[in-house]
């Protein structure tokens, strides 16, 4: 999603998806920000522990990155 694809916003909003949605509506769309830069497959492939936990579930991978992975310094 939007937060996972825009790490500068994660630094501001943390994992607050409500504020992120508001930002996208108010600014992000007109700024041309992407909602699809996050590569869940790559993220899962980079971390064996995540692949073991989530399999190939891209939704769970995005959720993990927003809630934990970004602050842990993980990359995709």
PDB file of N, CA and C in Angstrom:
ATOM      1  N   UNK A   1       0.739  -1.168   0.000  1.00  0.00           N
ATOM      2  CA  UNK A   1       0.000   0.000   0.000  1.00  0.00           C
ATOM      3  C   UNK A   1       0.806   1.274   0.000  1.00  0.00           C
ATOM      4  N   UNK A   2       0.068   2.282   0.268  1.00  0.00           N
ATOM      5  CA  UNK A   2       0.573   3.643   0.202  1.00  0.00           C
ATOM      6  C   UNK A   2       1.692   3.882   1.210  1.00  0.00           C
ATOM      7  N   UNK A   3       1.479   3.508   2.466  1.00  0.00           N
ATOM      8  CA  UNK A   3       2.522   3.723   3.465  1.00  0.00           C
ATOM      9  C   UNK A   3       3.783   2.944   3.133  1.00  0.00           C
ATOM     10  N   UNK A   4       3.623   1.681   2.823  1.00  0.00           N
ATOM     11  CA  UNK A   4       4.791   0.848   2.527  1.00  0.00           C
ATOM     12  C   UNK A   4       5.566   1.369   1.328  1.00  0.00           C
ATOM     13  N   UNK A   5       4.875   2.004   0.405  1.00  0.00           N
ATOM     14  CA  UNK A   5       5.516   2.516  -0.799  1.00  0.00           C
ATOM     15  C   UNK A   5       6.129   3.896  -0.609  1.00  0.00           C
ATOM     16  N   UNK A   6       5.837   4.548   0.488  1.00  0.00           N
ATOM     17  CA  UNK A   6       6.317   5.910   0.743  1.00  0.00           C
ATOM     18  C   UNK A   6       6.877   5.980   2.158  1.00  0.00           C
ATOM     19  N   UNK A   7       8.120   5.547   2.303  1.00  0.00           N
ATOM     20  CA  UNK A   7       8.705   5.446   3.635  1.00  0.00           C
ATOM     21  C   UNK A   7       8.862   6.800   4.328  1.00  0.00           C
ATOM     22  N   UNK A   8       8.927   7.891   3.576  1.00  0.00           N
ATOM     23  CA  UNK A   8       8.979   9.202   4.223  1.00  0.00           C
ATOM     24  C   UNK A   8       7.690   9.460   4.994  1.00  0.00           C
ATOM     25  N   UNK A   9       6.583   8.956   4.488  1.00  0.00           N
ATOM     26  CA  UNK A   9       5.316   9.122   5.193  1.00  0.00           C
ATOM     27  C   UNK A   9       5.238   8.211   6.413  1.00  0.00           C
ATOM     28  N   UNK A  10       5.844   7.034   6.318  1.00  0.00           N
ATOM     29  CA  UNK A  10       5.875   6.147   7.475  1.00  0.00           C
ATOM     30  C   UNK A  10       6.639   6.798   8.618  1.00  0.00           C
ATOM     31  N   UNK A  11       7.654   7.559   8.284  1.00  0.00           N
ATOM     32  CA  UNK A  11       8.417   8.258   9.312  1.00  0.00           C
ATOM     33  C   UNK A  11       7.548   9.292  10.026  1.00  0.00           C
ATOM     34  N   UNK A  12       6.567   9.839   9.323  1.00  0.00           N
ATOM     35  CA  UNK A  12       5.674  10.842   9.896  1.00  0.00           C
ATOM     36  C   UNK A  12       4.455  10.195  10.558  1.00  0.00           C
ATOM     37  N   UNK A  13       3.806   9.269   9.862  1.00  0.00           N
ATOM     38  CA  UNK A  13       2.537   8.700  10.312  1.00  0.00           C
ATOM     39  C   UNK A  13       2.669   7.371  11.050  1.00  0.00           C
ATOM     40  N   UNK A  14       3.855   6.779  11.048  1.00  0.00           N
ATOM     41  CA  UNK A  14       3.989   5.452  11.642  1.00  0.00           C
ATOM     42  C   UNK A  14       3.117   4.468  10.882  1.00  0.00           C
ATOM     43  N   UNK A  15       2.313   3.696  11.581  1.00  0.00           N
ATOM     44  CA  UNK A  15       1.436   2.753  10.901  1.00  0.00           C
ATOM     45  C   UNK A  15      -0.016   3.222  10.917  1.00  0.00           C
ATOM     46  N   UNK A  16      -0.224   4.521  11.034  1.00  0.00           N
ATOM     47  CA  UNK A  16      -1.564   5.092  11.061  1.00  0.00           C
ATOM     48  C   UNK A  16      -2.112   5.198   9.636  1.00  0.00           C
ATOM     49  N   UNK A  17      -2.827   4.164   9.239  1.00  0.00           N
ATOM     50  CA  UNK A  17      -3.338   4.114   7.867  1.00  0.00           C
ATOM     51  C   UNK A  17      -4.420   5.163   7.617  1.00  0.00           C
ATOM     52  N   UNK A  18      -5.154   5.546   8.654  1.00  0.00           N
ATOM     53  CA  UNK A  18      -6.190   6.574   8.485  1.00  0.00           C
ATOM     54  C   UNK A  18      -5.562   7.888   8.060  1.00  0.00           C
ATOM     55  N   UNK A  19      -4.489   8.280   8.731  1.00  0.00           N
ATOM     56  CA  UNK A  19      -3.806   9.524   8.360  1.00  0.00           C
ATOM     57  C   UNK A  19      -3.152   9.408   6.983  1.00  0.00           C
ATOM     58  N   UNK A  20      -2.659   8.227   6.669  1.00  0.00           N
ATOM     59  CA  UNK A  20      -2.054   8.022   5.353  1.00  0.00           C
ATOM     60  C   UNK A  20      -3.092   8.171   4.243  1.00  0.00           C
ATOM     61  N   UNK A  21      -4.271   7.647   4.454  1.00  0.00           N
ATOM     62  CA  UNK A  21      -5.345   7.777   3.463  1.00  0.00           C
ATOM     63  C   UNK A  21      -5.716   9.249   3.294  1.00  0.00           C
ATOM     64  N   UNK A  22      -5.821   9.954   4.401  1.00  0.00           N
ATOM     65  CA  UNK A  22      -6.121  11.390   4.333  1.00  0.00           C
ATOM     66  C   UNK A  22      -5.038  12.115   3.534  1.00  0.00           C
ATOM     67  N   UNK A  23      -3.774  11.752   3.788  1.00  0.00           N
ATOM     68  CA  UNK A  23      -2.673  12.382   3.057  1.00  0.00           C
ATOM     69  C   UNK A  23      -2.781  12.102   1.574  1.00  0.00           C
ATOM     70  N   UNK A  24      -3.051  10.858   1.218  1.00  0.00           N
ATOM     71  CA  UNK A  24      -3.153  10.510  -0.204  1.00  0.00           C
ATOM     72  C   UNK A  24      -4.253  11.319  -0.879  1.00  0.00           C
ATOM     73  N   UNK A  25      -5.390  11.410  -0.235  1.00  0.00           N
ATOM     74  CA  UNK A  25      -6.527  12.153  -0.814  1.00  0.00           C
ATOM     75  C   UNK A  25      -6.192  13.639  -0.934  1.00  0.00           C
ATOM     76  N   UNK A  26      -5.592  14.208   0.106  1.00  0.00           N
ATOM     77  CA  UNK A  26      -5.309  15.643   0.122  1.00  0.00           C
ATOM     78  C   UNK A  26      -4.093  16.039  -0.700  1.00  0.00           C
ATOM     79  N   UNK A  27      -3.060  15.192  -0.700  1.00  0.00           N
ATOM     80  CA  UNK A  27      -1.795  15.587  -1.316  1.00  0.00           C
ATOM     81  C   UNK A  27      -1.174  14.527  -2.230  1.00  0.00           C
ATOM     82  N   UNK A  28      -1.170  13.312  -1.771  1.00  0.00           N
ATOM     83  CA  UNK A  28      -0.411  12.260  -2.440  1.00  0.00           C
ATOM     84  C   UNK A  28      -0.764  12.025  -3.890  1.00  0.00           C
ATOM     85  N   UNK A  29      -2.051  11.980  -4.164  1.00  0.00           N
ATOM     86  CA  UNK A  29      -2.472  11.735  -5.552  1.00  0.00           C
ATOM     87  C   UNK A  29      -1.986  12.854  -6.462  1.00  0.00           C
ATOM     88  N   UNK A  30      -2.173  14.097  -6.032  1.00  0.00           N
ATOM     89  CA  UNK A  30      -1.748  15.226  -6.871  1.00  0.00           C
ATOM     90  C   UNK A  30      -0.231  15.339  -6.957  1.00  0.00           C
ATOM     91  N   UNK A  31       0.478  14.795  -5.949  1.00  0.00           N
ATOM     92  CA  UNK A  31       1.937  14.771  -5.984  1.00  0.00           C
ATOM     93  C   UNK A  31       2.470  13.642  -6.857  1.00  0.00           C
ATOM     94  N   UNK A  32       1.574  12.782  -7.306  1.00  0.00           N
ATOM     95  CA  UNK A  32       1.988  11.657  -8.140  1.00  0.00           C
ATOM     96  C   UNK A  32       2.624  10.533  -7.337  1.00  0.00           C
ATOM     97  N   UNK A  33       2.331  10.473  -6.047  1.00  0.00           N
ATOM     98  CA  UNK A  33       2.897   9.408  -5.212  1.00  0.00           C
ATOM     99  C   UNK A  33       2.300   8.075  -5.600  1.00  0.00           C
ATOM    100  N   UNK A  34       3.128   7.076  -5.562  1.00  0.00           N
ATOM    101  CA  UNK A  34       2.702   5.735  -5.937  1.00  0.00           C
ATOM    102  C   UNK A  34       2.109   5.010  -4.744  1.00  0.00           C
ATOM    103  N   UNK A  35       1.206   4.101  -5.058  1.00  0.00           N
ATOM    104  CA  UNK A  35       0.664   3.204  -4.041  1.00  0.00           C
ATOM    105  C   UNK A  35       1.207   1.794  -4.245  1.00  0.00           C
ATOM    106  N   UNK A  36       2.081   1.619  -5.245  1.00  0.00           N
ATOM    107  CA  UNK A  36       2.513   0.273  -5.603  1.00  0.00           C
ATOM    108  C   UNK A  36       4.019   0.084  -5.719  1.00  0.00           C
ATOM    109  N   UNK A  37       4.819   0.873  -5.047  1.00  0.00           N
ATOM    110  CA  UNK A  37       6.269   0.691  -5.115  1.00  0.00           C
ATOM    111  C   UNK A  37       6.745  -0.467  -4.256  1.00  0.00           C
ATOM    112  N   UNK A  38       6.036  -0.749  -3.176  1.00  0.00           N
ATOM    113  CA  UNK A  38       6.433  -1.819  -2.270  1.00  0.00           C
ATOM    114  C   UNK A  38       6.381  -3.154  -2.998  1.00  0.00           C
ATOM    115  N   UNK A  39       7.470  -3.901  -2.933  1.00  0.00           N
ATOM    116  CA  UNK A  39       7.552  -5.200  -3.601  1.00  0.00           C
ATOM    117  C   UNK A  39       7.498  -6.297  -2.534  1.00  0.00           C
ATOM    118  N   UNK A  40       6.290  -6.805  -2.306  1.00  0.00           N
ATOM    119  CA  UNK A  40       6.084  -7.806  -1.256  1.00  0.00           C
ATOM    120  C   UNK A  40       6.855  -9.081  -1.540  1.00  0.00           C
ATOM    121  N   UNK A  41       6.921  -9.488  -2.783  1.00  0.00           N
ATOM    122  CA  UNK A  41       7.643 -10.717  -3.123  1.00  0.00           C
ATOM    123  C   UNK A  41       9.120 -10.578  -2.770  1.00  0.00           C
ATOM    124  N   UNK A  42       9.707  -9.474  -3.124  1.00  0.00           N
ATOM    125  CA  UNK A  42      11.108  -9.229  -2.799  1.00  0.00           C
ATOM    126  C   UNK A  42      11.310  -9.163  -1.287  1.00  0.00           C
ATOM    127  N   UNK A  43      10.409  -8.496  -0.602  1.00  0.00           N
ATOM    128  CA  UNK A  43      10.487  -8.379   0.852  1.00  0.00           C
ATOM    129  C   UNK A  43      10.482  -9.761   1.496  1.00  0.00           C
ATOM    130  N   UNK A  44       9.569 -10.606   1.078  1.00  0.00           N
ATOM    131  CA  UNK A  44       9.495 -11.964   1.625  1.00  0.00           C
ATOM    132  C   UNK A  44      10.737 -12.777   1.274  1.00  0.00           C
ATOM    133  N   UNK A  45      11.236 -12.598   0.062  1.00  0.00           N
ATOM    134  CA  UNK A  45      12.431 -13.341  -0.355  1.00  0.00           C
ATOM    135  C   UNK A  45      13.686 -12.890   0.382  1.00  0.00           C
ATOM    136  N   UNK A  46      13.717 -11.638   0.824  1.00  0.00           N
ATOM    137  CA  UNK A  46      14.883 -11.109   1.547  1.00  0.00           C
ATOM    138  C   UNK A  46      14.988 -11.628   2.974  1.00  0.00           C
ATOM    139  N   UNK A  47      13.879 -12.099   3.530  1.00  0.00           N
ATOM    140  CA  UNK A  47      13.846 -12.467   4.944  1.00  0.00           C
ATOM    141  C   UNK A  47      13.197 -13.833   5.131  1.00  0.00           C
ATOM    142  N   UNK A  48      14.026 -14.810   5.415  1.00  0.00           N
ATOM    143  CA  UNK A  48      13.561 -16.185   5.591  1.00  0.00           C
ATOM    144  C   UNK A  48      12.533 -16.283   6.719  1.00  0.00           C
ATOM    145  N   UNK A  49      12.748 -15.517   7.794  1.00  0.00           N
ATOM    146  CA  UNK A  49      11.806 -15.575   8.908  1.00  0.00           C
ATOM    147  C   UNK A  49      10.415 -15.118   8.499  1.00  0.00           C
ATOM    148  N   UNK A  50      10.338 -14.108   7.654  1.00  0.00           N
ATOM    149  CA  UNK A  50       9.035 -13.625   7.198  1.00  0.00           C
ATOM    150  C   UNK A  50       8.391 -14.608   6.228  1.00  0.00           C
ATOM    151  N   UNK A  51       9.193 -15.166   5.346  1.00  0.00           N
ATOM    152  CA  UNK A  51       8.674 -16.146   4.390  1.00  0.00           C
ATOM    153  C   UNK A  51       8.133 -17.359   5.146  1.00  0.00           C
ATOM    154  N   UNK A  52       8.826 -17.776   6.207  1.00  0.00           N
ATOM    155  CA  UNK A  52       8.357 -18.900   7.018  1.00  0.00           C
ATOM    156  C   UNK A  52       7.038 -18.555   7.711  1.00  0.00           C
ATOM    157  N   UNK A  53       6.933 -17.333   8.181  1.00  0.00           N
ATOM    158  CA  UNK A  53       5.731 -16.916   8.909  1.00  0.00           C
ATOM    159  C   UNK A  53       4.541 -16.637   7.996  1.00  0.00           C
ATOM    160  N   UNK A  54       4.796 -16.022   6.828  1.00  0.00           N
ATOM    161  CA  UNK A  54       3.705 -15.543   5.984  1.00  0.00           C
ATOM    162  C   UNK A  54       3.539 -16.302   4.677  1.00  0.00           C
ATOM    163  N   UNK A  55       4.459 -17.199   4.377  1.00  0.00           N
ATOM    164  CA  UNK A  55       4.387 -17.887   3.086  1.00  0.00           C
ATOM    165  C   UNK A  55       4.551 -16.878   1.968  1.00  0.00           C
ATOM    166  N   UNK A  56       3.617 -16.869   1.070  1.00  0.00           N
ATOM    167  CA  UNK A  56       3.640 -15.913  -0.039  1.00  0.00           C
ATOM    168  C   UNK A  56       2.508 -14.901   0.058  1.00  0.00           C
ATOM    169  N   UNK A  57       2.020 -14.669   1.259  1.00  0.00           N
ATOM    170  CA  UNK A  57       0.901 -13.750   1.476  1.00  0.00           C
ATOM    171  C   UNK A  57       1.399 -12.307   1.425  1.00  0.00           C
ATOM    172  N   UNK A  58       1.155 -11.652   0.330  1.00  0.00           N
ATOM    173  CA  UNK A  58       1.644 -10.288   0.124  1.00  0.00           C
ATOM    174  C   UNK A  58       0.953  -9.279   1.039  1.00  0.00           C
ATOM    175  N   UNK A  59      -0.297  -9.533   1.361  1.00  0.00           N
ATOM    176  CA  UNK A  59      -1.012  -8.628   2.260  1.00  0.00           C
ATOM    177  C   UNK A  59      -0.372  -8.628   3.645  1.00  0.00           C
ATOM    178  N   UNK A  60      -0.051  -9.814   4.145  1.00  0.00           N
ATOM    179  CA  UNK A  60       0.611  -9.898   5.445  1.00  0.00           C
ATOM    180  C   UNK A  60       2.011  -9.294   5.400  1.00  0.00           C
ATOM    181  N   UNK A  61       2.689  -9.448   4.277  1.00  0.00           N
ATOM    182  CA  UNK A  61       4.021  -8.851   4.135  1.00  0.00           C
ATOM    183  C   UNK A  61       3.939  -7.328   4.218  1.00  0.00           C
ATOM    184  N   UNK A  62       2.986  -6.728   3.525  1.00  0.00           N
ATOM    185  CA  UNK A  62       2.813  -5.268   3.585  1.00  0.00           C
ATOM    186  C   UNK A  62       2.480  -4.826   5.001  1.00  0.00           C
ATOM    187  N   UNK A  63       1.566  -5.562   5.632  1.00  0.00           N
ATOM    188  CA  UNK A  63       1.172  -5.218   6.999  1.00  0.00           C
ATOM    189  C   UNK A  63       2.382  -5.286   7.932  1.00  0.00           C
ATOM    190  N   UNK A  64       3.178  -6.327   7.790  1.00  0.00           N
ATOM    191  CA  UNK A  64       4.362  -6.453   8.636  1.00  0.00           C
ATOM    192  C   UNK A  64       5.319  -5.292   8.414  1.00  0.00           C
ATOM    193  N   UNK A  65       5.553  -4.934   7.165  1.00  0.00           N
ATOM    194  CA  UNK A  65       6.493  -3.854   6.876  1.00  0.00           C
ATOM    195  C   UNK A  65       6.025  -2.546   7.512  1.00  0.00           C
ATOM    196  N   UNK A  66       4.741  -2.252   7.385  1.00  0.00           N
ATOM    197  CA  UNK A  66       4.206  -1.008   7.936  1.00  0.00           C
ATOM    198  C   UNK A  66       4.244  -1.028   9.460  1.00  0.00           C
ATOM    199  N   UNK A  67       3.880  -2.161  10.054  1.00  0.00           N
ATOM    200  CA  UNK A  67       3.782  -2.227  11.504  1.00  0.00           C
ATOM    201  C   UNK A  67       5.128  -2.462  12.198  1.00  0.00           C
ATOM    202  N   UNK A  68       6.060  -3.164  11.523  1.00  0.00           N
ATOM    203  CA  UNK A  68       7.305  -3.533  12.200  1.00  0.00           C
ATOM    204  C   UNK A  68       8.556  -3.397  11.342  1.00  0.00           C
ATOM    205  N   UNK A  69       8.475  -3.873  10.128  1.00  0.00           N
ATOM    206  CA  UNK A  69       9.660  -3.989   9.282  1.00  0.00           C
ATOM    207  C   UNK A  69      10.387  -2.687   9.038  1.00  0.00           C
ATOM    208  N   UNK A  70       9.656  -1.624   8.790  1.00  0.00           N
ATOM    209  CA  UNK A  70      10.285  -0.326   8.537  1.00  0.00           C
ATOM    210  C   UNK A  70      11.096   0.116   9.750  1.00  0.00           C
ATOM    211  N   UNK A  71      10.491   0.034  10.927  1.00  0.00           N
ATOM    212  CA  UNK A  71      11.203   0.476  12.134  1.00  0.00           C
ATOM    213  C   UNK A  71      12.353  -0.459  12.488  1.00  0.00           C
ATOM    214  N   UNK A  72      12.300  -1.709  12.012  1.00  0.00           N
ATOM    215  CA  UNK A  72      13.388  -2.667  12.230  1.00  0.00           C
ATOM    216  C   UNK A  72      14.530  -2.477  11.237  1.00  0.00           C
ATOM    217  N   UNK A  73      14.320  -1.582  10.262  1.00  0.00           N
ATOM    218  CA  UNK A  73      15.356  -1.334   9.257  1.00  0.00           C
ATOM    219  C   UNK A  73      15.351  -2.331   8.116  1.00  0.00           C
ATOM    220  N   UNK A  74      14.276  -3.088   7.980  1.00  0.00           N
ATOM    221  CA  UNK A  74      14.197  -4.063   6.877  1.00  0.00           C
ATOM    222  C   UNK A  74      13.957  -3.320   5.565  1.00  0.00           C
ATOM    223  N   UNK A  75      14.412  -3.905   4.498  1.00  0.00           N
ATOM    224  CA  UNK A  75      14.272  -3.304   3.161  1.00  0.00           C
ATOM    225  C   UNK A  75      13.537  -4.270   2.239  1.00  0.00           C
ATOM    226  N   UNK A  76      13.054  -3.725   1.130  1.00  0.00           N
ATOM    227  CA  UNK A  76      12.381  -4.588   0.153  1.00  0.00           C
ATOM    228  C   UNK A  76      12.995  -4.453  -1.205  1.00  0.00           C
TER     229      UNK A  76
END
